[in-house]
PDB file of N, CA and C in Angstrom:
ATOM      1  N   MET A   1      87.404 109.361  93.717  1.00  0.00           N
ATOM      2  CA  MET A   1      87.512 108.046  93.145  1.00  0.00           C
ATOM      3  C   MET A   1      87.091 106.980  94.164  1.00  0.00           C
ATOM      4  N   ALA A   2      87.511 107.153  95.410  1.00  0.00           N
ATOM      5  CA  ALA A   2      87.182 106.175  96.443  1.00  0.00           C
ATOM      6  C   ALA A   2      85.670 106.104  96.659  1.00  0.00           C
ATOM      7  N   ARG A   3      85.032 107.253  96.725  1.00  0.00           N
ATOM      8  CA  ARG A   3      83.579 107.302  96.950  1.00  0.00           C
ATOM      9  C   ARG A   3      82.844 106.628  95.801  1.00  0.00           C
ATOM     10  N   ALA A   4      83.249 106.938  94.584  1.00  0.00           N
ATOM     11  CA  ALA A   4      82.604 106.361  93.404  1.00  0.00           C
ATOM     12  C   ALA A   4      82.813 104.849  93.346  1.00  0.00           C
ATOM     13  N   GLY A   5      84.012 104.393  93.701  1.00  0.00           N
ATOM     14  CA  GLY A   5      84.301 102.963  93.687  1.00  0.00           C
ATOM     15  C   GLY A   5      83.412 102.177  94.627  1.00  0.00           C
ATOM     16  N   LEU A   6      83.029 102.806  95.711  1.00  0.00           N
ATOM     17  CA  LEU A   6      82.135 102.163  96.677  1.00  0.00           C
ATOM     18  C   LEU A   6      80.670 102.324  96.315  1.00  0.00           C
ATOM     19  N   GLY A   7      80.393 103.171  95.328  1.00  0.00           N
ATOM     20  CA  GLY A   7      79.010 103.430  94.949  1.00  0.00           C
ATOM     21  C   GLY A   7      78.281 104.301  95.965  1.00  0.00           C
ATOM     22  N   LEU A   8      79.036 105.122  96.687  1.00  0.00           N
ATOM     23  CA  LEU A   8      78.433 105.998  97.693  1.00  0.00           C
ATOM     24  C   LEU A   8      78.127 107.366  97.109  1.00  0.00           C
ATOM     25  N   GLY A   9      77.014 107.927  97.493  1.00  0.00           N
ATOM     26  CA  GLY A   9      76.701 109.300  97.146  1.00  0.00           C
ATOM     27  C   GLY A   9      77.347 110.242  98.152  1.00  0.00           C
ATOM     28  N   VAL A  10      77.345 111.520  97.838  1.00  0.00           N
ATOM     29  CA  VAL A  10      77.917 112.530  98.728  1.00  0.00           C
ATOM     30  C   VAL A  10      77.229 112.476 100.092  1.00  0.00           C
ATOM     31  N   ARG A  11      75.922 112.373 100.111  1.00  0.00           N
ATOM     32  CA  ARG A  11      75.184 112.332 101.384  1.00  0.00           C
ATOM     33  C   ARG A  11      75.546 111.105 102.208  1.00  0.00           C
ATOM     34  N   GLU A  12      75.694 109.965 101.532  1.00  0.00           N
ATOM     35  CA  GLU A  12      76.031 108.733 102.249  1.00  0.00           C
ATOM     36  C   GLU A  12      77.413 108.824 102.895  1.00  0.00           C
ATOM     37  N   LEU A  13      78.389 109.311 102.133  1.00  0.00           N
ATOM     38  CA  LEU A  13      79.730 109.444 102.695  1.00  0.00           C
ATOM     39  C   LEU A  13      79.749 110.472 103.817  1.00  0.00           C
ATOM     40  N   ALA A  14      79.047 111.565 103.641  1.00  0.00           N
ATOM     41  CA  ALA A  14      78.981 112.580 104.689  1.00  0.00           C
ATOM     42  C   ALA A  14      78.426 111.978 105.977  1.00  0.00           C
ATOM     43  N   ALA A  15      77.395 111.171 105.876  1.00  0.00           N
ATOM     44  CA  ALA A  15      76.809 110.531 107.054  1.00  0.00           C
ATOM     45  C   ALA A  15      77.802 109.563 107.703  1.00  0.00           C
ATOM     46  N   LEU A  16      78.499 108.773 106.893  1.00  0.00           N
ATOM     47  CA  LEU A  16      79.471 107.829 107.436  1.00  0.00           C
ATOM     48  C   LEU A  16      80.613 108.536 108.163  1.00  0.00           C
ATOM     49  N   ALA A  17      81.037 109.678 107.636  1.00  0.00           N
ATOM     50  CA  ALA A  17      82.160 110.421 108.214  1.00  0.00           C
ATOM     51  C   ALA A  17      81.710 111.438 109.256  1.00  0.00           C
ATOM     52  N   ASP A  18      80.408 111.611 109.407  1.00  0.00           N
ATOM     53  CA  ASP A  18      79.838 112.578 110.340  1.00  0.00           C
ATOM     54  C   ASP A  18      80.313 114.004 110.037  1.00  0.00           C
ATOM     55  N   VAL A  19      80.247 114.345 108.732  1.00  0.00           N
ATOM     56  CA  VAL A  19      80.564 115.698 108.267  1.00  0.00           C
ATOM     57  C   VAL A  19      79.418 116.157 107.369  1.00  0.00           C
ATOM     58  N   SER A  20      79.443 117.416 106.965  1.00  0.00           N
ATOM     59  CA  SER A  20      78.379 117.918 106.098  1.00  0.00           C
ATOM     60  C   SER A  20      78.637 117.515 104.641  1.00  0.00           C
ATOM     61  N   THR A  21      77.575 117.524 103.848  1.00  0.00           N
ATOM     62  CA  THR A  21      77.739 117.241 102.415  1.00  0.00           C
ATOM     63  C   THR A  21      78.617 118.302 101.764  1.00  0.00           C
ATOM     64  N   ASN A  22      78.535 119.533 102.233  1.00  0.00           N
ATOM     65  CA  ASN A  22      79.376 120.599 101.710  1.00  0.00           C
ATOM     66  C   ASN A  22      80.858 120.288 101.937  1.00  0.00           C
ATOM     67  N   THR A  23      81.179 119.664 103.054  1.00  0.00           N
ATOM     68  CA  THR A  23      82.567 119.302 103.343  1.00  0.00           C
ATOM     69  C   THR A  23      83.074 118.276 102.339  1.00  0.00           C
ATOM     70  N   ILE A  24      82.261 117.288 102.010  1.00  0.00           N
ATOM     71  CA  ILE A  24      82.655 116.287 101.010  1.00  0.00           C
ATOM     72  C   ILE A  24      82.873 116.964  99.659  1.00  0.00           C
ATOM     73  N   THR A  25      81.987 117.846  99.280  1.00  0.00           N
ATOM     74  CA  THR A  25      82.111 118.574  98.013  1.00  0.00           C
ATOM     75  C   THR A  25      83.387 119.401  97.994  1.00  0.00           C
ATOM     76  N   ARG A  26      83.678 120.072  99.098  1.00  0.00           N
ATOM     77  CA  ARG A  26      84.900 120.882  99.167  1.00  0.00           C
ATOM     78  C   ARG A  26      86.141 120.013  99.041  1.00  0.00           C
ATOM     79  N   LEU A  27      86.154 118.848  99.681  1.00  0.00           N
ATOM     80  CA  LEU A  27      87.276 117.917  99.570  1.00  0.00           C
ATOM     81  C   LEU A  27      87.472 117.492  98.120  1.00  0.00           C
ATOM     82  N   GLU A  28      86.385 117.132  97.462  1.00  0.00           N
ATOM     83  CA  GLU A  28      86.473 116.654  96.085  1.00  0.00           C
ATOM     84  C   GLU A  28      86.878 117.747  95.102  1.00  0.00           C
ATOM     85  N   ARG A  29      86.679 119.000  95.474  1.00  0.00           N
ATOM     86  CA  ARG A  29      87.145 120.119  94.645  1.00  0.00           C
ATOM     87  C   ARG A  29      88.601 120.452  94.920  1.00  0.00           C
ATOM     88  N   GLY A  30      89.186 119.807  95.930  1.00  0.00           N
ATOM     89  CA  GLY A  30      90.578 120.046  96.264  1.00  0.00           C
ATOM     90  C   GLY A  30      90.804 121.196  97.224  1.00  0.00           C
ATOM     91  N   GLU A  31      89.745 121.654  97.876  1.00  0.00           N
ATOM     92  CA  GLU A  31      89.883 122.740  98.841  1.00  0.00           C
ATOM     93  C   GLU A  31      90.505 122.228 100.135  1.00  0.00           C
ATOM     94  N   ALA A  32      91.171 123.107 100.851  1.00  0.00           N
ATOM     95  CA  ALA A  32      91.812 122.737 102.110  1.00  0.00           C
ATOM     96  C   ALA A  32      90.762 122.490 103.196  1.00  0.00           C
ATOM     97  N   LEU A  33      90.997 121.437 103.969  1.00  0.00           N
ATOM     98  CA  LEU A  33      90.144 121.100 105.115  1.00  0.00           C
ATOM     99  C   LEU A  33      91.045 120.874 106.317  1.00  0.00           C
ATOM    100  N   TYR A  34      90.457 120.941 107.498  1.00  0.00           N
ATOM    101  CA  TYR A  34      91.210 120.621 108.700  1.00  0.00           C
ATOM    102  C   TYR A  34      91.697 119.173 108.621  1.00  0.00           C
ATOM    103  N   PRO A  35      92.910 118.905 109.099  1.00  0.00           N
ATOM    104  CA  PRO A  35      93.429 117.530 109.073  1.00  0.00           C
ATOM    105  C   PRO A  35      92.503 116.523 109.755  1.00  0.00           C
ATOM    106  N   ARG A  36      91.856 116.916 110.854  1.00  0.00           N
ATOM    107  CA  ARG A  36      90.959 115.974 111.546  1.00  0.00           C
ATOM    108  C   ARG A  36      89.733 115.642 110.691  1.00  0.00           C
ATOM    109  N   THR A  37      89.319 116.588 109.853  1.00  0.00           N
ATOM    110  CA  THR A  37      88.177 116.347 108.970  1.00  0.00           C
ATOM    111  C   THR A  37      88.572 115.372 107.868  1.00  0.00           C
ATOM    112  N   VAL A  38      89.749 115.579 107.294  1.00  0.00           N
ATOM    113  CA  VAL A  38      90.249 114.669 106.261  1.00  0.00           C
ATOM    114  C   VAL A  38      90.402 113.267 106.836  1.00  0.00           C
ATOM    115  N   GLU A  39      90.904 113.172 108.055  1.00  0.00           N
ATOM    116  CA  GLU A  39      91.084 111.869 108.701  1.00  0.00           C
ATOM    117  C   GLU A  39      89.735 111.191 108.953  1.00  0.00           C
ATOM    118  N   ALA A  40      88.711 111.934 109.318  1.00  0.00           N
ATOM    119  CA  ALA A  40      87.383 111.355 109.531  1.00  0.00           C
ATOM    120  C   ALA A  40      86.837 110.774 108.232  1.00  0.00           C
ATOM    121  N   ILE A  41      87.043 111.479 107.138  1.00  0.00           N
ATOM    122  CA  ILE A  41      86.569 110.999 105.827  1.00  0.00           C
ATOM    123  C   ILE A  41      87.373 109.780 105.407  1.00  0.00           C
ATOM    124  N   ARG A  42      88.684 109.852 105.572  1.00  0.00           N
ATOM    125  CA  ARG A  42      89.542 108.718 105.215  1.00  0.00           C
ATOM    126  C   ARG A  42      89.154 107.476 106.022  1.00  0.00           C
ATOM    127  N   SER A  43      88.955 107.644 107.315  1.00  0.00           N
ATOM    128  CA  SER A  43      88.571 106.515 108.167  1.00  0.00           C
ATOM    129  C   SER A  43      87.249 105.902 107.735  1.00  0.00           C
ATOM    130  N   ALA A  44      86.303 106.749 107.370  1.00  0.00           N
ATOM    131  CA  ALA A  44      84.999 106.254 106.909  1.00  0.00           C
ATOM    132  C   ALA A  44      85.156 105.462 105.618  1.00  0.00           C
ATOM    133  N   LEU A  45      85.986 105.952 104.715  1.00  0.00           N
ATOM    134  CA  LEU A  45      86.215 105.244 103.447  1.00  0.00           C
ATOM    135  C   LEU A  45      86.923 103.911 103.688  1.00  0.00           C
ATOM    136  N   GLU A  46      87.908 103.912 104.569  1.00  0.00           N
ATOM    137  CA  GLU A  46      88.620 102.669 104.868  1.00  0.00           C
ATOM    138  C   GLU A  46      87.683 101.653 105.518  1.00  0.00           C
ATOM    139  N   ALA A  47      86.835 102.102 106.416  1.00  0.00           N
ATOM    140  CA  ALA A  47      85.880 101.201 107.069  1.00  0.00           C
ATOM    141  C   ALA A  47      84.885 100.622 106.065  1.00  0.00           C
ATOM    142  N   ALA A  48      84.615 101.387 104.997  1.00  0.00           N
ATOM    143  CA  ALA A  48      83.675 100.935 103.967  1.00  0.00           C
ATOM    144  C   ALA A  48      84.342 100.030 102.934  1.00  0.00           C
ATOM    145  N   GLY A  49      85.685  99.887 102.992  1.00  0.00           N
ATOM    146  CA  GLY A  49      86.341  98.950 102.094  1.00  0.00           C
ATOM    147  C   GLY A  49      87.350  99.526 101.129  1.00  0.00           C
ATOM    148  N   VAL A  50      87.801 100.745 101.356  1.00  0.00           N
ATOM    149  CA  VAL A  50      88.807 101.357 100.481  1.00  0.00           C
ATOM    150  C   VAL A  50      90.189 101.194 101.098  1.00  0.00           C
ATOM    151  N   GLU A  51      91.167 100.909 100.254  1.00  0.00           N
ATOM    152  CA  GLU A  51      92.559 100.864 100.683  1.00  0.00           C
ATOM    153  C   GLU A  51      93.305 101.965  99.950  1.00  0.00           C
ATOM    154  N   PHE A  52      93.976 102.832 100.691  1.00  0.00           N
ATOM    155  CA  PHE A  52      94.758 103.901 100.081  1.00  0.00           C
ATOM    156  C   PHE A  52      96.146 103.374  99.759  1.00  0.00           C
ATOM    157  N   ILE A  53      96.618 103.650  98.548  1.00  0.00           N
ATOM    158  CA  ILE A  53      97.902 103.163  98.066  1.00  0.00           C
ATOM    159  C   ILE A  53      98.884 104.330  98.045  1.00  0.00           C
ATOM    160  N   PRO A  54     100.040 104.178  98.698  1.00  0.00           N
ATOM    161  CA  PRO A  54     101.007 105.272  98.697  1.00  0.00           C
ATOM    162  C   PRO A  54     101.605 105.490  97.311  1.00  0.00           C
ATOM    163  N   GLU A  55     102.178 106.659  97.128  1.00  0.00           N
ATOM    164  CA  GLU A  55     102.831 106.963  95.860  1.00  0.00           C
ATOM    165  C   GLU A  55     103.991 106.001  95.658  1.00  0.00           C
ATOM    166  N   ASN A  56     104.078 105.460  94.458  1.00  0.00           N
ATOM    167  CA  ASN A  56     105.143 104.512  94.137  1.00  0.00           C
ATOM    168  C   ASN A  56     105.759 104.828  92.775  1.00  0.00           C
ATOM    169  N   GLY A  57     105.851 106.081  92.467  1.00  0.00           N
ATOM    170  CA  GLY A  57     106.372 106.482  91.176  1.00  0.00           C
ATOM    171  C   GLY A  57     105.277 106.779  90.174  1.00  0.00           C
ATOM    172  N   GLY A  58     104.101 106.234  90.401  1.00  0.00           N
ATOM    173  CA  GLY A  58     102.984 106.459  89.500  1.00  0.00           C
ATOM    174  C   GLY A  58     101.889 107.294  90.134  1.00  0.00           C
ATOM    175  N   GLY A  59     102.133 107.828  91.300  1.00  0.00           N
ATOM    176  CA  GLY A  59     101.126 108.630  91.990  1.00  0.00           C
ATOM    177  C   GLY A  59     100.354 107.801  92.992  1.00  0.00           C
ATOM    178  N   ALA A  60      99.853 108.467  93.987  1.00  0.00           N
ATOM    179  CA  ALA A  60      99.042 107.799  95.010  1.00  0.00           C
ATOM    180  C   ALA A  60      97.714 107.371  94.396  1.00  0.00           C
ATOM    181  N   GLY A  61      97.058 106.408  95.051  1.00  0.00           N
ATOM    182  CA  GLY A  61      95.783 105.948  94.511  1.00  0.00           C
ATOM    183  C   GLY A  61      94.958 105.233  95.549  1.00  0.00           C
ATOM    184  N   VAL A  62      93.874 104.635  95.094  1.00  0.00           N
ATOM    185  CA  VAL A  62      92.985 103.860  95.959  1.00  0.00           C
ATOM    186  C   VAL A  62      92.578 102.583  95.239  1.00  0.00           C
ATOM    187  N   ARG A  63      92.213 101.597  96.032  1.00  0.00           N
ATOM    188  CA  ARG A  63      91.621 100.378  95.474  1.00  0.00           C
ATOM    189  C   ARG A  63      90.655  99.830  96.504  1.00  0.00           C
ATOM    190  N   LEU A  64      89.748  99.010  96.040  1.00  0.00           N
ATOM    191  CA  LEU A  64      88.810  98.373  96.953  1.00  0.00           C
ATOM    192  C   LEU A  64      89.498  97.158  97.557  1.00  0.00           C
ATOM    193  N   LYS A  65      89.306  96.957  98.849  1.00  0.00           N
ATOM    194  CA  LYS A  65      89.887  95.814  99.524  1.00  0.00           C
ATOM    195  C   LYS A  65      89.219  94.543  99.011  1.00  0.00           C
ATOM    196  N   GLY A  66      90.013  93.536  98.763  1.00  0.00           N
ATOM    197  CA  GLY A  66      89.465  92.265  98.339  1.00  0.00           C
ATOM    198  C   GLY A  66      88.907  91.497  99.525  1.00  0.00           C
ATOM    199  N   GLU A  67      87.975  90.632  99.257  1.00  0.00           N
ATOM    200  CA  GLU A  67      87.430  89.812 100.336  1.00  0.00           C
ATOM    201  C   GLU A  67      88.423  88.726 100.662  1.00  0.00           C
ATOM    202  N   LYS A  68      88.606  88.468 101.942  1.00  0.00           N
ATOM    203  CA  LYS A  68      89.528  87.442 102.396  1.00  0.00           C
ATOM    204  C   LYS A  68      88.734  86.198 102.771  1.00  0.00           C
ATOM    205  N   HIS A  69      89.183  85.096 102.258  1.00  0.00           N
ATOM    206  CA  HIS A  69      88.505  83.830 102.521  1.00  0.00           C
ATOM    207  C   HIS A  69      89.427  82.920 103.335  1.00  0.00           C
ATOM    208  N   ASP A  70      88.877  82.264 104.321  1.00  0.00           N
ATOM    209  CA  ASP A  70      89.652  81.291 105.103  1.00  0.00           C
ATOM    210  C   ASP A  70      89.734  79.995 104.307  1.00  0.00           C
ATOM    211  N   LYS A  71      90.911  79.362 104.359  1.00  0.00           N
ATOM    212  CA  LYS A  71      91.092  78.083 103.659  1.00  0.00           C
ATOM    213  C   LYS A  71      91.480  77.022 104.626  1.00  0.00           C
TER     214      LYS A  71
END
């Protein structure tokens, strides 16, 4: 969901996270990955503008960070 929200393809996210496209595909299928690999992907998504939302009774989720304007 995070990748799609940013309009990133598998190759683009793989490049941002410095992992293989196969790794992104495996993550999206729900396969187990090393924690450091998951963290690299998460960091890349956060740097691109995704905010991860903790579970609050309705399940964990993601949203795009809003732009902040100085007033």
